[in-house]
């Protein structure tokens, strides 16, 4: 079984604001640079980066938690979906996102591990500085 990807990142914004940036398709697309489809409704489809990532929303708690079934378009057909959990919390300096991403296939584990900082955390920090 692949190792989980665990990351924790602090931002100069509240947990509620970070949740909204992730869950609002227009705002999400603004900081990632690709078309996004997302809704907090369980079972609703999710896609990002013009469809390069896709899945379904499993669970959401406004301002606090997102759980998604998630996969890359380049994954093999027999690769199971991964599960992404994002926990949003407030800190004295702003907000924090704690990520747990499990069941990412071995052939893309390194790419996804490096992809979170490159395609999400860095662009989100830059977006918040504007």
N, C-alpha and C. Protein backbone atom coordinates (compact mmCIF):
# COMPACT_ATOMS: atom_id res chain seq x y z
N UNK A 1 0.86 -1.19 0.00
CA UNK A 1 0.00 0.00 0.00
C UNK A 1 0.90 1.24 0.00
N UNK A 2 0.58 2.23 -0.84
CA UNK A 2 1.39 3.45 -0.90
C UNK A 2 1.39 4.21 0.43
N UNK A 3 2.48 4.91 0.68
CA UNK A 3 2.58 5.74 1.88
C UNK A 3 1.66 6.94 1.75
N UNK A 4 1.07 7.38 2.86
CA UNK A 4 0.23 8.58 2.80
C UNK A 4 1.09 9.83 2.59
N UNK A 5 0.51 10.82 1.97
CA UNK A 5 1.14 12.13 1.83
C UNK A 5 0.54 12.99 2.94
N UNK A 6 1.41 13.50 3.79
CA UNK A 6 0.97 14.33 4.91
C UNK A 6 1.69 15.67 4.80
N UNK A 7 0.93 16.76 4.77
CA UNK A 7 1.51 18.10 4.69
C UNK A 7 0.69 19.03 5.56
N UNK A 8 1.35 20.02 6.15
CA UNK A 8 0.70 21.05 6.94
C UNK A 8 1.30 22.39 6.54
N UNK A 9 0.44 23.32 6.16
CA UNK A 9 0.92 24.61 5.64
C UNK A 9 0.13 25.74 6.30
N UNK A 10 0.87 26.79 6.69
CA UNK A 10 0.25 27.97 7.30
C UNK A 10 0.11 29.08 6.25
N UNK A 11 -0.96 29.86 6.40
CA UNK A 11 -1.25 30.94 5.45
C UNK A 11 -1.69 32.19 6.21
N UNK A 12 -1.51 33.36 5.60
CA UNK A 12 -1.96 34.60 6.23
C UNK A 12 -3.44 34.87 5.94
N UNK A 13 -4.29 33.92 6.32
CA UNK A 13 -5.74 34.03 6.13
C UNK A 13 -6.41 33.09 7.12
N UNK A 14 -7.66 33.36 7.43
CA UNK A 14 -8.39 32.52 8.38
C UNK A 14 -8.73 31.16 7.75
N UNK A 15 -9.06 30.21 8.60
CA UNK A 15 -9.49 28.90 8.13
C UNK A 15 -10.72 29.03 7.24
N UNK A 16 -11.65 29.87 7.63
CA UNK A 16 -12.87 30.06 6.84
C UNK A 16 -12.55 30.62 5.45
N UNK A 17 -11.61 31.57 5.39
CA UNK A 17 -11.22 32.15 4.09
C UNK A 17 -10.51 31.12 3.23
N UNK A 18 -9.65 30.30 3.82
CA UNK A 18 -8.94 29.26 3.06
C UNK A 18 -9.92 28.22 2.52
N UNK A 19 -10.87 27.82 3.34
CA UNK A 19 -11.91 26.89 2.90
C UNK A 19 -12.67 27.47 1.71
N UNK A 20 -13.06 28.73 1.82
CA UNK A 20 -13.81 29.39 0.74
C UNK A 20 -12.98 29.46 -0.54
N UNK A 21 -11.70 29.76 -0.43
CA UNK A 21 -10.84 29.80 -1.61
C UNK A 21 -10.78 28.44 -2.30
N UNK A 22 -10.76 27.38 -1.53
CA UNK A 22 -10.71 26.03 -2.11
C UNK A 22 -12.08 25.63 -2.69
N UNK A 23 -13.15 25.96 -1.99
CA UNK A 23 -14.47 25.47 -2.38
C UNK A 23 -15.20 26.34 -3.40
N UNK A 24 -14.76 27.56 -3.62
CA UNK A 24 -15.40 28.42 -4.60
C UNK A 24 -14.70 28.20 -5.95
N UNK A 25 -15.41 27.70 -6.96
CA UNK A 25 -14.75 27.36 -8.22
C UNK A 25 -14.00 28.52 -8.87
N UNK A 26 -14.57 29.72 -8.83
CA UNK A 26 -13.90 30.87 -9.45
C UNK A 26 -12.64 31.26 -8.70
N UNK A 27 -12.71 31.28 -7.36
CA UNK A 27 -11.53 31.63 -6.58
C UNK A 27 -10.46 30.53 -6.68
N UNK A 28 -10.88 29.28 -6.65
CA UNK A 28 -9.97 28.14 -6.78
C UNK A 28 -9.22 28.24 -8.12
N UNK A 29 -9.95 28.51 -9.18
CA UNK A 29 -9.34 28.64 -10.51
C UNK A 29 -8.41 29.85 -10.58
N UNK A 30 -8.76 30.90 -9.86
CA UNK A 30 -7.93 32.12 -9.88
C UNK A 30 -6.53 31.85 -9.35
N UNK A 31 -6.40 31.06 -8.29
CA UNK A 31 -5.05 30.84 -7.76
C UNK A 31 -4.35 29.63 -8.37
N UNK A 32 -5.10 28.69 -8.96
CA UNK A 32 -4.45 27.53 -9.58
C UNK A 32 -4.21 27.71 -11.08
N UNK A 33 -4.98 28.58 -11.71
CA UNK A 33 -4.79 28.83 -13.12
C UNK A 33 -5.49 27.89 -14.07
N UNK A 34 -6.35 27.01 -13.56
CA UNK A 34 -7.09 26.09 -14.42
C UNK A 34 -8.56 26.04 -14.03
N UNK A 35 -9.40 25.61 -14.96
CA UNK A 35 -10.83 25.51 -14.71
C UNK A 35 -11.11 24.52 -13.58
N UNK A 36 -12.08 24.87 -12.70
CA UNK A 36 -12.41 24.07 -11.53
C UNK A 36 -13.91 23.86 -11.46
N UNK A 37 -14.30 22.65 -11.10
CA UNK A 37 -15.69 22.34 -10.79
C UNK A 37 -15.69 21.74 -9.39
N UNK A 38 -16.41 22.38 -8.47
CA UNK A 38 -16.41 21.90 -7.09
C UNK A 38 -17.68 22.35 -6.39
N UNK A 39 -18.17 21.53 -5.49
CA UNK A 39 -19.35 21.83 -4.69
C UNK A 39 -19.22 21.06 -3.37
N UNK A 40 -19.74 21.60 -2.29
CA UNK A 40 -19.67 20.89 -1.01
C UNK A 40 -20.66 19.73 -0.89
N UNK A 41 -21.56 19.59 -1.85
CA UNK A 41 -22.59 18.56 -1.78
C UNK A 41 -21.98 17.16 -1.92
N UNK A 42 -22.21 16.27 -0.95
CA UNK A 42 -21.69 14.90 -1.07
C UNK A 42 -22.14 14.23 -2.36
N UNK A 43 -21.21 13.58 -3.04
CA UNK A 43 -21.49 12.91 -4.29
C UNK A 43 -21.33 13.78 -5.52
N UNK A 44 -21.12 15.08 -5.32
CA UNK A 44 -20.98 15.97 -6.47
C UNK A 44 -19.60 15.80 -7.10
N UNK A 45 -19.51 15.96 -8.43
CA UNK A 45 -18.22 15.79 -9.11
C UNK A 45 -17.27 16.93 -8.80
N UNK A 46 -15.99 16.61 -8.81
CA UNK A 46 -14.92 17.56 -8.61
C UNK A 46 -13.95 17.43 -9.77
N UNK A 47 -13.48 18.56 -10.29
CA UNK A 47 -12.39 18.54 -11.26
C UNK A 47 -11.60 19.83 -11.11
N UNK A 48 -10.30 19.75 -11.42
CA UNK A 48 -9.43 20.92 -11.33
C UNK A 48 -8.39 20.83 -12.43
N UNK A 49 -7.71 21.95 -12.66
CA UNK A 49 -6.68 22.03 -13.70
C UNK A 49 -7.22 21.56 -15.04
N UNK A 50 -8.36 22.13 -15.41
CA UNK A 50 -8.99 21.82 -16.71
C UNK A 50 -9.26 20.33 -16.88
N UNK A 51 -9.61 19.67 -15.77
CA UNK A 51 -9.96 18.25 -15.82
C UNK A 51 -8.81 17.29 -15.60
N UNK A 52 -7.61 17.79 -15.35
CA UNK A 52 -6.45 16.91 -15.11
C UNK A 52 -6.61 16.13 -13.80
N UNK A 53 -7.35 16.68 -12.85
CA UNK A 53 -7.69 16.01 -11.60
C UNK A 53 -9.20 15.89 -11.55
N UNK A 54 -9.68 14.77 -11.05
CA UNK A 54 -11.13 14.62 -10.95
C UNK A 54 -11.48 13.70 -9.80
N UNK A 55 -12.74 13.72 -9.45
CA UNK A 55 -13.22 12.85 -8.38
C UNK A 55 -14.59 13.27 -7.93
N UNK A 56 -14.89 12.96 -6.68
CA UNK A 56 -16.18 13.29 -6.09
C UNK A 56 -15.99 13.84 -4.69
N UNK A 57 -16.89 14.74 -4.32
CA UNK A 57 -16.90 15.24 -2.96
C UNK A 57 -17.54 14.17 -2.08
N UNK A 58 -16.85 13.81 -1.02
CA UNK A 58 -17.40 12.83 -0.10
C UNK A 58 -18.04 13.50 1.11
N UNK A 59 -17.40 14.57 1.61
CA UNK A 59 -17.88 15.19 2.83
C UNK A 59 -17.27 16.59 2.95
N UNK A 60 -18.04 17.51 3.49
CA UNK A 60 -17.52 18.86 3.73
C UNK A 60 -18.17 19.44 4.98
N UNK A 61 -17.36 20.11 5.77
CA UNK A 61 -17.85 20.88 6.92
C UNK A 61 -17.39 22.31 6.66
N UNK A 62 -18.32 23.23 6.41
CA UNK A 62 -17.94 24.59 6.04
C UNK A 62 -16.89 25.19 7.00
N UNK A 63 -15.83 25.70 6.38
CA UNK A 63 -14.77 26.35 7.13
C UNK A 63 -13.81 25.43 7.85
N UNK A 64 -14.05 24.10 7.77
CA UNK A 64 -13.26 23.18 8.60
C UNK A 64 -12.68 21.97 7.88
N UNK A 65 -13.44 21.36 6.95
CA UNK A 65 -13.02 20.05 6.44
C UNK A 65 -13.54 19.80 5.02
N UNK A 66 -12.67 19.19 4.21
CA UNK A 66 -13.05 18.71 2.88
C UNK A 66 -12.49 17.29 2.74
N UNK A 67 -13.34 16.37 2.29
CA UNK A 67 -12.91 15.00 2.00
C UNK A 67 -13.38 14.68 0.58
N UNK A 68 -12.42 14.29 -0.27
CA UNK A 68 -12.74 14.01 -1.67
C UNK A 68 -12.15 12.68 -2.12
N UNK A 69 -12.86 12.03 -3.03
CA UNK A 69 -12.29 10.94 -3.81
C UNK A 69 -11.61 11.62 -4.98
N UNK A 70 -10.38 11.24 -5.31
CA UNK A 70 -9.53 12.07 -6.16
C UNK A 70 -8.62 11.20 -7.01
N UNK A 71 -8.41 11.61 -8.28
CA UNK A 71 -7.47 10.88 -9.14
C UNK A 71 -6.97 11.78 -10.26
N UNK A 72 -5.81 11.42 -10.80
CA UNK A 72 -5.25 12.13 -11.94
C UNK A 72 -5.65 11.43 -13.23
N UNK A 73 -5.78 12.19 -14.32
CA UNK A 73 -6.18 11.59 -15.60
C UNK A 73 -5.13 10.63 -16.14
N UNK A 74 -3.88 10.80 -15.73
CA UNK A 74 -2.81 9.93 -16.22
C UNK A 74 -2.65 8.67 -15.37
N UNK A 75 -3.48 8.49 -14.37
CA UNK A 75 -3.41 7.27 -13.58
C UNK A 75 -3.92 6.10 -14.41
N UNK A 76 -3.43 4.93 -14.09
CA UNK A 76 -3.87 3.72 -14.79
C UNK A 76 -5.31 3.41 -14.44
N UNK A 77 -6.02 2.78 -15.38
CA UNK A 77 -7.43 2.44 -15.14
C UNK A 77 -7.62 1.58 -13.90
N UNK A 78 -6.64 0.72 -13.61
CA UNK A 78 -6.78 -0.15 -12.44
C UNK A 78 -6.24 0.46 -11.15
N UNK A 79 -5.75 1.71 -11.21
CA UNK A 79 -5.37 2.43 -9.99
C UNK A 79 -6.65 2.82 -9.25
N UNK A 80 -6.75 2.49 -7.97
CA UNK A 80 -7.93 2.94 -7.22
C UNK A 80 -7.88 4.45 -7.00
N UNK A 81 -9.03 5.03 -6.76
CA UNK A 81 -9.07 6.46 -6.42
C UNK A 81 -8.33 6.67 -5.10
N UNK A 82 -7.75 7.85 -4.96
CA UNK A 82 -7.15 8.22 -3.69
C UNK A 82 -8.20 8.98 -2.87
N UNK A 83 -7.89 9.17 -1.60
CA UNK A 83 -8.76 9.95 -0.73
C UNK A 83 -7.96 11.14 -0.22
N UNK A 84 -8.50 12.32 -0.42
CA UNK A 84 -7.87 13.56 0.01
C UNK A 84 -8.68 14.14 1.17
N UNK A 85 -8.00 14.46 2.26
CA UNK A 85 -8.63 15.13 3.39
C UNK A 85 -7.87 16.43 3.65
N UNK A 86 -8.61 17.53 3.66
CA UNK A 86 -8.05 18.84 3.98
C UNK A 86 -8.76 19.34 5.24
N UNK A 87 -7.98 19.61 6.27
CA UNK A 87 -8.53 20.15 7.52
C UNK A 87 -8.06 21.60 7.65
N UNK A 88 -9.00 22.51 7.85
CA UNK A 88 -8.73 23.94 7.94
C UNK A 88 -8.86 24.36 9.40
N UNK A 89 -7.83 25.04 9.93
CA UNK A 89 -7.89 25.49 11.32
C UNK A 89 -7.24 26.86 11.45
N UNK A 90 -7.66 27.59 12.47
CA UNK A 90 -7.09 28.90 12.75
C UNK A 90 -5.88 28.76 13.66
N UNK A 91 -4.91 29.64 13.46
CA UNK A 91 -3.72 29.72 14.30
C UNK A 91 -3.57 31.19 14.71
N UNK A 92 -2.72 31.49 15.68
CA UNK A 92 -2.52 32.90 16.04
C UNK A 92 -2.01 33.76 14.87
N UNK A 93 -1.32 33.14 13.91
CA UNK A 93 -0.77 33.88 12.77
C UNK A 93 -1.67 33.87 11.54
N UNK A 94 -2.79 33.17 11.57
CA UNK A 94 -3.66 33.09 10.40
C UNK A 94 -4.37 31.75 10.37
N UNK A 95 -4.20 31.03 9.27
CA UNK A 95 -4.86 29.73 9.13
C UNK A 95 -3.88 28.66 8.72
N UNK A 96 -4.31 27.43 8.87
CA UNK A 96 -3.48 26.28 8.51
C UNK A 96 -4.33 25.27 7.77
N UNK A 97 -3.73 24.65 6.78
CA UNK A 97 -4.36 23.52 6.09
C UNK A 97 -3.51 22.29 6.39
N UNK A 98 -4.15 21.26 6.95
CA UNK A 98 -3.51 19.97 7.16
C UNK A 98 -4.05 19.01 6.12
N UNK A 99 -3.15 18.46 5.33
CA UNK A 99 -3.51 17.58 4.23
C UNK A 99 -3.12 16.15 4.57
N UNK A 100 -4.01 15.23 4.31
CA UNK A 100 -3.70 13.80 4.32
C UNK A 100 -4.23 13.26 3.00
N UNK A 101 -3.35 12.72 2.19
CA UNK A 101 -3.72 12.21 0.87
C UNK A 101 -3.28 10.76 0.83
N UNK A 102 -4.24 9.86 0.84
CA UNK A 102 -3.92 8.43 0.93
C UNK A 102 -4.27 7.71 -0.37
N UNK A 103 -3.59 6.61 -0.59
CA UNK A 103 -3.82 5.73 -1.74
C UNK A 103 -3.41 6.34 -3.07
N UNK A 104 -2.44 7.25 -3.05
CA UNK A 104 -1.89 7.77 -4.30
C UNK A 104 -0.99 6.69 -4.87
N UNK A 105 -1.16 6.30 -6.14
CA UNK A 105 -0.36 5.20 -6.70
C UNK A 105 1.14 5.49 -6.64
N UNK A 106 1.91 4.44 -6.44
CA UNK A 106 3.37 4.58 -6.35
C UNK A 106 3.95 5.32 -7.55
N UNK A 107 3.43 5.07 -8.75
CA UNK A 107 4.00 5.68 -9.95
C UNK A 107 3.78 7.19 -10.01
N UNK A 108 2.90 7.75 -9.17
CA UNK A 108 2.67 9.19 -9.16
C UNK A 108 2.85 9.79 -7.77
N UNK A 109 3.29 8.99 -6.81
CA UNK A 109 3.41 9.46 -5.42
C UNK A 109 4.34 10.66 -5.31
N UNK A 110 5.50 10.59 -5.92
CA UNK A 110 6.46 11.70 -5.85
C UNK A 110 5.90 12.94 -6.54
N UNK A 111 5.26 12.75 -7.70
CA UNK A 111 4.68 13.89 -8.42
C UNK A 111 3.59 14.58 -7.63
N UNK A 112 2.72 13.81 -6.99
CA UNK A 112 1.64 14.41 -6.20
C UNK A 112 2.22 15.07 -4.94
N UNK A 113 3.19 14.42 -4.31
CA UNK A 113 3.81 14.99 -3.12
C UNK A 113 4.43 16.35 -3.43
N UNK A 114 5.14 16.45 -4.54
CA UNK A 114 5.75 17.73 -4.94
C UNK A 114 4.73 18.67 -5.56
N UNK A 115 3.67 18.12 -6.12
CA UNK A 115 2.66 18.93 -6.78
C UNK A 115 1.86 19.81 -5.84
N UNK A 116 1.59 19.33 -4.63
CA UNK A 116 0.83 20.16 -3.68
C UNK A 116 1.52 21.49 -3.43
N UNK A 117 2.81 21.51 -3.05
CA UNK A 117 3.46 22.82 -2.86
C UNK A 117 3.57 23.63 -4.15
N UNK A 118 3.86 22.95 -5.26
CA UNK A 118 4.08 23.65 -6.52
C UNK A 118 2.80 24.22 -7.10
N UNK A 119 1.73 23.46 -7.09
CA UNK A 119 0.51 23.86 -7.78
C UNK A 119 -0.59 24.42 -6.86
N UNK A 120 -0.47 24.18 -5.56
CA UNK A 120 -1.48 24.69 -4.63
C UNK A 120 -0.90 25.65 -3.59
N UNK A 121 0.00 25.17 -2.75
CA UNK A 121 0.45 25.99 -1.62
C UNK A 121 1.17 27.27 -2.08
N UNK A 122 2.11 27.15 -2.99
CA UNK A 122 2.83 28.34 -3.49
C UNK A 122 1.90 29.33 -4.16
N UNK A 123 1.09 28.88 -5.14
CA UNK A 123 0.16 29.82 -5.78
C UNK A 123 -0.85 30.43 -4.81
N UNK A 124 -1.29 29.65 -3.82
CA UNK A 124 -2.25 30.18 -2.85
C UNK A 124 -1.60 31.27 -1.99
N UNK A 125 -0.37 31.05 -1.56
CA UNK A 125 0.34 32.09 -0.79
C UNK A 125 0.54 33.35 -1.63
N UNK A 126 0.89 33.17 -2.89
CA UNK A 126 1.06 34.31 -3.79
C UNK A 126 -0.25 35.06 -3.97
N UNK A 127 -1.33 34.33 -4.14
CA UNK A 127 -2.67 34.92 -4.31
C UNK A 127 -3.06 35.73 -3.07
N UNK A 128 -2.74 35.22 -1.91
CA UNK A 128 -3.10 35.92 -0.67
C UNK A 128 -2.29 37.18 -0.44
N UNK A 129 -1.12 37.29 -1.06
CA UNK A 129 -0.28 38.48 -0.92
C UNK A 129 -0.75 39.63 -1.80
N UNK A 130 -1.64 39.37 -2.76
CA UNK A 130 -2.11 40.41 -3.67
C UNK A 130 -2.99 41.42 -2.98
